[in-house]
Amino acid sequence: MTKKQQSFEERLEELESIVRKMEGGSLPLNETLAAYEAGMQLSKALSEELSAAEARMLELSGGQVKPMEDAP
């Protein structure tokens, strides 16, 4: 049986959990490196999903919505 695809919010929560564990400073070096790698993968995936959502919003709004980097 395959694992259900996690939602954006679930993956963000997982990333936040990883950050909290790393900030705690109690992980051994090898676990810290593994957590860092997992966190970077999650961060990249979340960033890509946000970029795709932003592009879709711009498309749907006919350019009426300002891109995030242009927002105040």
PDB file of N, CA and C in Angstrom:
ATOM      1  N   MET A   1       0.834  -1.174   0.000  1.00  0.00           N
ATOM      2  CA  MET A   1       0.000   0.000   0.000  1.00  0.00           C
ATOM      3  C   MET A   1       0.887   1.248   0.000  1.00  0.00           C
ATOM      4  N   THR A   2       0.569   2.243  -0.827  1.00  0.00           N
ATOM      5  CA  THR A   2       1.374   3.448  -0.906  1.00  0.00           C
ATOM      6  C   THR A   2       0.932   4.461   0.139  1.00  0.00           C
ATOM      7  N   LYS A   3       1.876   5.260   0.574  1.00  0.00           N
ATOM      8  CA  LYS A   3       1.608   6.304   1.562  1.00  0.00           C
ATOM      9  C   LYS A   3       0.826   7.439   0.902  1.00  0.00           C
ATOM     10  N   LYS A   4      -0.194   7.927   1.599  1.00  0.00           N
ATOM     11  CA  LYS A   4      -1.008   9.027   1.093  1.00  0.00           C
ATOM     12  C   LYS A   4      -0.142  10.272   0.923  1.00  0.00           C
ATOM     13  N   GLN A   5      -0.360  11.001  -0.168  1.00  0.00           N
ATOM     14  CA  GLN A   5       0.355  12.243  -0.429  1.00  0.00           C
ATOM     15  C   GLN A   5       0.027  13.248   0.674  1.00  0.00           C
ATOM     16  N   GLN A   6       1.058  13.834   1.278  1.00  0.00           N
ATOM     17  CA  GLN A   6       0.855  14.814   2.338  1.00  0.00           C
ATOM     18  C   GLN A   6       0.414  16.140   1.733  1.00  0.00           C
ATOM     19  N   SER A   7      -0.450  16.843   2.455  1.00  0.00           N
ATOM     20  CA  SER A   7      -0.876  18.165   2.018  1.00  0.00           C
ATOM     21  C   SER A   7       0.262  19.162   2.248  1.00  0.00           C
ATOM     22  N   PHE A   8       0.119  20.320   1.659  1.00  0.00           N
ATOM     23  CA  PHE A   8       1.091  21.395   1.853  1.00  0.00           C
ATOM     24  C   PHE A   8       1.248  21.682   3.345  1.00  0.00           C
ATOM     25  N   GLU A   9       0.120  21.802   4.027  1.00  0.00           N
ATOM     26  CA  GLU A   9       0.129  22.134   5.449  1.00  0.00           C
ATOM     27  C   GLU A   9       0.808  21.046   6.292  1.00  0.00           C
ATOM     28  N   GLU A  10       0.585  19.791   5.941  1.00  0.00           N
ATOM     29  CA  GLU A  10       1.229  18.692   6.664  1.00  0.00           C
ATOM     30  C   GLU A  10       2.742  18.713   6.460  1.00  0.00           C
ATOM     31  N   ARG A  11       3.164  19.002   5.238  1.00  0.00           N
ATOM     32  CA  ARG A  11       4.604  19.066   4.963  1.00  0.00           C
ATOM     33  C   ARG A  11       5.233  20.272   5.649  1.00  0.00           C
ATOM     34  N   LEU A  12       4.510  21.394   5.708  1.00  0.00           N
ATOM     35  CA  LEU A  12       5.019  22.572   6.405  1.00  0.00           C
ATOM     36  C   LEU A  12       5.161  22.283   7.892  1.00  0.00           C
ATOM     37  N   GLU A  13       4.183  21.602   8.467  1.00  0.00           N
ATOM     38  CA  GLU A  13       4.252  21.215   9.874  1.00  0.00           C
ATOM     39  C   GLU A  13       5.447  20.289  10.127  1.00  0.00           C
ATOM     40  N   GLU A  14       5.690  19.381   9.201  1.00  0.00           N
ATOM     41  CA  GLU A  14       6.838  18.477   9.324  1.00  0.00           C
ATOM     42  C   GLU A  14       8.145  19.262   9.284  1.00  0.00           C
ATOM     43  N   LEU A  15       8.232  20.241   8.390  1.00  0.00           N
ATOM     44  CA  LEU A  15       9.430  21.078   8.307  1.00  0.00           C
ATOM     45  C   LEU A  15       9.630  21.851   9.603  1.00  0.00           C
ATOM     46  N   GLU A  16       8.555  22.409  10.144  1.00  0.00           N
ATOM     47  CA  GLU A  16       8.657  23.139  11.408  1.00  0.00           C
ATOM     48  C   GLU A  16       9.124  22.233  12.542  1.00  0.00           C
ATOM     49  N   SER A  17       8.662  20.991  12.542  1.00  0.00           N
ATOM     50  CA  SER A  17       9.077  20.023  13.548  1.00  0.00           C
ATOM     51  C   SER A  17      10.574  19.727  13.438  1.00  0.00           C
ATOM     52  N   ILE A  18      11.048  19.581  12.224  1.00  0.00           N
ATOM     53  CA  ILE A  18      12.473  19.332  11.988  1.00  0.00           C
ATOM     54  C   ILE A  18      13.300  20.504  12.511  1.00  0.00           C
ATOM     55  N   VAL A  19      12.846  21.712  12.216  1.00  0.00           N
ATOM     56  CA  VAL A  19      13.573  22.903  12.665  1.00  0.00           C
ATOM     57  C   VAL A  19      13.628  22.954  14.189  1.00  0.00           C
ATOM     58  N   ARG A  20      12.499  22.676  14.835  1.00  0.00           N
ATOM     59  CA  ARG A  20      12.469  22.683  16.309  1.00  0.00           C
ATOM     60  C   ARG A  20      13.464  21.666  16.881  1.00  0.00           C
ATOM     61  N   LYS A  21      13.502  20.468  16.302  1.00  0.00           N
ATOM     62  CA  LYS A  21      14.430  19.437  16.776  1.00  0.00           C
ATOM     63  C   LYS A  21      15.875  19.892  16.612  1.00  0.00           C
ATOM     64  N   MET A  22      16.164  20.496  15.471  1.00  0.00           N
ATOM     65  CA  MET A  22      17.537  20.948  15.227  1.00  0.00           C
ATOM     66  C   MET A  22      17.901  22.107  16.147  1.00  0.00           C
ATOM     67  N   GLU A  23      16.969  23.009  16.386  1.00  0.00           N
ATOM     68  CA  GLU A  23      17.237  24.134  17.274  1.00  0.00           C
ATOM     69  C   GLU A  23      17.429  23.678  18.717  1.00  0.00           C
ATOM     70  N   GLY A  24      16.820  22.541  19.061  1.00  0.00           N
ATOM     71  CA  GLY A  24      16.968  22.001  20.408  1.00  0.00           C
ATOM     72  C   GLY A  24      18.394  21.622  20.736  1.00  0.00           C
ATOM     73  N   GLY A  25      19.175  21.313  19.720  1.00  0.00           N
ATOM     74  CA  GLY A  25      20.585  21.011  19.908  1.00  0.00           C
ATOM     75  C   GLY A  25      20.884  19.665  20.527  1.00  0.00           C
ATOM     76  N   SER A  26      19.889  18.791  20.635  1.00  0.00           N
ATOM     77  CA  SER A  26      20.130  17.510  21.299  1.00  0.00           C
ATOM     78  C   SER A  26      20.363  16.353  20.328  1.00  0.00           C
ATOM     79  N   LEU A  27      20.278  16.622  19.029  1.00  0.00           N
ATOM     80  CA  LEU A  27      20.483  15.556  18.045  1.00  0.00           C
ATOM     81  C   LEU A  27      21.970  15.296  17.848  1.00  0.00           C
ATOM     82  N   PRO A  28      22.355  14.046  17.708  1.00  0.00           N
ATOM     83  CA  PRO A  28      23.743  13.737  17.339  1.00  0.00           C
ATOM     84  C   PRO A  28      24.017  14.267  15.922  1.00  0.00           C
ATOM     85  N   LEU A  29      25.273  14.418  15.609  1.00  0.00           N
ATOM     86  CA  LEU A  29      25.668  15.010  14.333  1.00  0.00           C
ATOM     87  C   LEU A  29      25.033  14.297  13.138  1.00  0.00           C
ATOM     88  N   ASN A  30      25.084  12.964  13.113  1.00  0.00           N
ATOM     89  CA  ASN A  30      24.548  12.243  11.948  1.00  0.00           C
ATOM     90  C   ASN A  30      23.039  12.461  11.812  1.00  0.00           C
ATOM     91  N   GLU A  31      22.328  12.556  12.929  1.00  0.00           N
ATOM     92  CA  GLU A  31      20.888  12.817  12.866  1.00  0.00           C
ATOM     93  C   GLU A  31      20.607  14.267  12.468  1.00  0.00           C
ATOM     94  N   THR A  32      21.467  15.165  12.896  1.00  0.00           N
ATOM     95  CA  THR A  32      21.334  16.573  12.506  1.00  0.00           C
ATOM     96  C   THR A  32      21.504  16.714  11.000  1.00  0.00           C
ATOM     97  N   LEU A  33      22.490  16.038  10.448  1.00  0.00           N
ATOM     98  CA  LEU A  33      22.712  16.094   9.002  1.00  0.00           C
ATOM     99  C   LEU A  33      21.533  15.495   8.233  1.00  0.00           C
ATOM    100  N   ALA A  34      21.005  14.384   8.717  1.00  0.00           N
ATOM    101  CA  ALA A  34      19.845  13.763   8.068  1.00  0.00           C
ATOM    102  C   ALA A  34      18.626  14.679   8.164  1.00  0.00           C
ATOM    103  N   ALA A  35      18.435  15.310   9.324  1.00  0.00           N
ATOM    104  CA  ALA A  35      17.314  16.229   9.502  1.00  0.00           C
ATOM    105  C   ALA A  35      17.471  17.439   8.583  1.00  0.00           C
ATOM    106  N   TYR A  36      18.693  17.937   8.476  1.00  0.00           N
ATOM    107  CA  TYR A  36      18.958  19.081   7.593  1.00  0.00           C
ATOM    108  C   TYR A  36      18.626  18.730   6.147  1.00  0.00           C
ATOM    109  N   GLU A  37      19.068  17.560   5.719  1.00  0.00           N
ATOM    110  CA  GLU A  37      18.799  17.121   4.348  1.00  0.00           C
ATOM    111  C   GLU A  37      17.292  16.993   4.103  1.00  0.00           C
ATOM    112  N   ALA A  38      16.577  16.375   5.035  1.00  0.00           N
ATOM    113  CA  ALA A  38      15.126  16.227   4.902  1.00  0.00           C
ATOM    114  C   ALA A  38      14.452  17.592   4.898  1.00  0.00           C
ATOM    115  N   GLY A  39      14.922  18.493   5.746  1.00  0.00           N
ATOM    116  CA  GLY A  39      14.360  19.839   5.803  1.00  0.00           C
ATOM    117  C   GLY A  39      14.579  20.609   4.511  1.00  0.00           C
ATOM    118  N   MET A  40      15.749  20.471   3.936  1.00  0.00           N
ATOM    119  CA  MET A  40      16.043  21.156   2.670  1.00  0.00           C
ATOM    120  C   MET A  40      15.161  20.617   1.539  1.00  0.00           C
ATOM    121  N   GLN A  41      14.939  19.305   1.526  1.00  0.00           N
ATOM    122  CA  GLN A  41      14.065  18.720   0.506  1.00  0.00           C
ATOM    123  C   GLN A  41      12.637  19.227   0.671  1.00  0.00           C
ATOM    124  N   LEU A  42      12.158  19.263   1.907  1.00  0.00           N
ATOM    125  CA  LEU A  42      10.813  19.778   2.166  1.00  0.00           C
ATOM    126  C   LEU A  42      10.716  21.251   1.783  1.00  0.00           C
ATOM    127  N   SER A  43      11.714  22.023   2.167  1.00  0.00           N
ATOM    128  CA  SER A  43      11.726  23.450   1.862  1.00  0.00           C
ATOM    129  C   SER A  43      11.658  23.693   0.350  1.00  0.00           C
ATOM    130  N   LYS A  44      12.430  22.938  -0.399  1.00  0.00           N
ATOM    131  CA  LYS A  44      12.436  23.079  -1.858  1.00  0.00           C
ATOM    132  C   LYS A  44      11.073  22.724  -2.442  1.00  0.00           C
ATOM    133  N   ALA A  45      10.492  21.620  -1.987  1.00  0.00           N
ATOM    134  CA  ALA A  45       9.190  21.193  -2.492  1.00  0.00           C
ATOM    135  C   ALA A  45       8.109  22.211  -2.151  1.00  0.00           C
ATOM    136  N   LEU A  46       8.134  22.734  -0.933  1.00  0.00           N
ATOM    137  CA  LEU A  46       7.147  23.733  -0.525  1.00  0.00           C
ATOM    138  C   LEU A  46       7.303  25.015  -1.333  1.00  0.00           C
ATOM    139  N   SER A  47       8.527  25.434  -1.550  1.00  0.00           N
ATOM    140  CA  SER A  47       8.787  26.638  -2.343  1.00  0.00           C
ATOM    141  C   SER A  47       8.282  26.481  -3.777  1.00  0.00           C
ATOM    142  N   GLU A  48       8.527  25.313  -4.354  1.00  0.00           N
ATOM    143  CA  GLU A  48       8.051  25.050  -5.712  1.00  0.00           C
ATOM    144  C   GLU A  48       6.531  25.067  -5.771  1.00  0.00           C
ATOM    145  N   GLU A  49       5.884  24.496  -4.741  1.00  0.00           N
ATOM    146  CA  GLU A  49       4.425  24.479  -4.718  1.00  0.00           C
ATOM    147  C   GLU A  49       3.869  25.896  -4.579  1.00  0.00           C
ATOM    148  N   LEU A  50       4.501  26.719  -3.744  1.00  0.00           N
ATOM    149  CA  LEU A  50       4.066  28.107  -3.596  1.00  0.00           C
ATOM    150  C   LEU A  50       4.233  28.884  -4.907  1.00  0.00           C
ATOM    151  N   SER A  51       5.346  28.661  -5.589  1.00  0.00           N
ATOM    152  CA  SER A  51       5.578  29.331  -6.868  1.00  0.00           C
ATOM    153  C   SER A  51       4.532  28.932  -7.894  1.00  0.00           C
ATOM    154  N   ALA A  52       4.175  27.652  -7.921  1.00  0.00           N
ATOM    155  CA  ALA A  52       3.150  27.172  -8.854  1.00  0.00           C
ATOM    156  C   ALA A  52       1.791  27.777  -8.509  1.00  0.00           C
ATOM    157  N   ALA A  53       1.488  27.887  -7.220  1.00  0.00           N
ATOM    158  CA  ALA A  53       0.216  28.481  -6.802  1.00  0.00           C
ATOM    159  C   ALA A  53       0.173  29.958  -7.179  1.00  0.00           C
ATOM    160  N   GLU A  54       1.279  30.647  -6.988  1.00  0.00           N
ATOM    161  CA  GLU A  54       1.351  32.064  -7.355  1.00  0.00           C
ATOM    162  C   GLU A  54       1.150  32.240  -8.863  1.00  0.00           C
ATOM    163  N   ALA A  55       1.804  31.397  -9.660  1.00  0.00           N
ATOM    164  CA  ALA A  55       1.655  31.477 -11.114  1.00  0.00           C
ATOM    165  C   ALA A  55       0.216  31.218 -11.521  1.00  0.00           C
ATOM    166  N   ARG A  56      -0.420  30.269 -10.869  1.00  0.00           N
ATOM    167  CA  ARG A  56      -1.826  29.949 -11.173  1.00  0.00           C
ATOM    168  C   ARG A  56      -2.731  31.120 -10.801  1.00  0.00           C
ATOM    169  N   MET A  57      -2.469  31.759  -9.657  1.00  0.00           N
ATOM    170  CA  MET A  57      -3.265  32.921  -9.254  1.00  0.00           C
ATOM    171  C   MET A  57      -3.114  34.062 -10.251  1.00  0.00           C
ATOM    172  N   LEU A  58      -1.885  34.297 -10.703  1.00  0.00           N
ATOM    173  CA  LEU A  58      -1.653  35.338 -11.695  1.00  0.00           C
ATOM    174  C   LEU A  58      -2.401  35.030 -12.988  1.00  0.00           C
ATOM    175  N   GLU A  59      -2.366  33.760 -13.385  1.00  0.00           N
ATOM    176  CA  GLU A  59      -3.058  33.325 -14.597  1.00  0.00           C
ATOM    177  C   GLU A  59      -4.568  33.535 -14.460  1.00  0.00           C
ATOM    178  N   LEU A  60      -5.127  33.109 -13.344  1.00  0.00           N
ATOM    179  CA  LEU A  60      -6.571  33.214 -13.129  1.00  0.00           C
ATOM    180  C   LEU A  60      -7.036  34.658 -12.994  1.00  0.00           C
ATOM    181  N   SER A  61      -6.178  35.518 -12.456  1.00  0.00           N
ATOM    182  CA  SER A  61      -6.578  36.911 -12.244  1.00  0.00           C
ATOM    183  C   SER A  61      -6.298  37.779 -13.462  1.00  0.00           C
ATOM    184  N   GLY A  62      -5.724  37.200 -14.482  1.00  0.00           N
ATOM    185  CA  GLY A  62      -5.390  37.993 -15.664  1.00  0.00           C
ATOM    186  C   GLY A  62      -4.334  39.042 -15.370  1.00  0.00           C
ATOM    187  N   GLY A  63      -3.478  38.756 -14.404  1.00  0.00           N
ATOM    188  CA  GLY A  63      -2.404  39.672 -14.042  1.00  0.00           C
ATOM    189  C   GLY A  63      -2.826  40.731 -13.041  1.00  0.00           C
ATOM    190  N   GLN A  64      -4.030  40.643 -12.508  1.00  0.00           N
ATOM    191  CA  GLN A  64      -4.528  41.622 -11.544  1.00  0.00           C
ATOM    192  C   GLN A  64      -3.878  41.476 -10.170  1.00  0.00           C
ATOM    193  N   VAL A  65      -3.403  40.289  -9.845  1.00  0.00           N
ATOM    194  CA  VAL A  65      -2.753  40.046  -8.566  1.00  0.00           C
ATOM    195  C   VAL A  65      -1.261  40.316  -8.748  1.00  0.00           C
ATOM    196  N   LYS A  66      -0.672  41.077  -7.806  1.00  0.00           N
ATOM    197  CA  LYS A  66       0.750  41.363  -7.893  1.00  0.00           C
ATOM    198  C   LYS A  66       1.562  40.148  -7.449  1.00  0.00           C
ATOM    199  N   PRO A  67       2.656  39.843  -8.151  1.00  0.00           N
ATOM    200  CA  PRO A  67       3.545  38.767  -7.690  1.00  0.00           C
ATOM    201  C   PRO A  67       4.059  39.070  -6.301  1.00  0.00           C
ATOM    202  N   MET A  68       4.362  38.024  -5.520  1.00  0.00           N
ATOM    203  CA  MET A  68       4.780  38.188  -4.122  1.00  0.00           C
ATOM    204  C   MET A  68       5.996  39.089  -3.986  1.00  0.00           C
ATOM    205  N   GLU A  69       6.965  39.005  -4.888  1.00  0.00           N
ATOM    206  CA  GLU A  69       8.174  39.821  -4.752  1.00  0.00           C
ATOM    207  C   GLU A  69       7.883  41.296  -4.974  1.00  0.00           C
ATOM    208  N   ASP A  70       6.735  41.627  -5.613  1.00  0.00           N
ATOM    209  CA  ASP A  70       6.348  43.023  -5.835  1.00  0.00           C
ATOM    210  C   ASP A  70       5.470  43.554  -4.728  1.00  0.00           C
ATOM    211  N   ALA A  71       5.000  42.683  -3.857  1.00  0.00           N
ATOM    212  CA  ALA A  71       4.101  43.103  -2.781  1.00  0.00           C
ATOM    213  C   ALA A  71       4.874  43.908  -1.740  1.00  0.00           C
ATOM    214  N   PRO A  72       4.189  44.854  -1.059  1.00  0.00           N
ATOM    215  CA  PRO A  72       4.891  45.684  -0.054  1.00  0.00           C
ATOM    216  C   PRO A  72       5.317  44.876   1.147  1.00  0.00           C
TER     217      PRO A  72
END
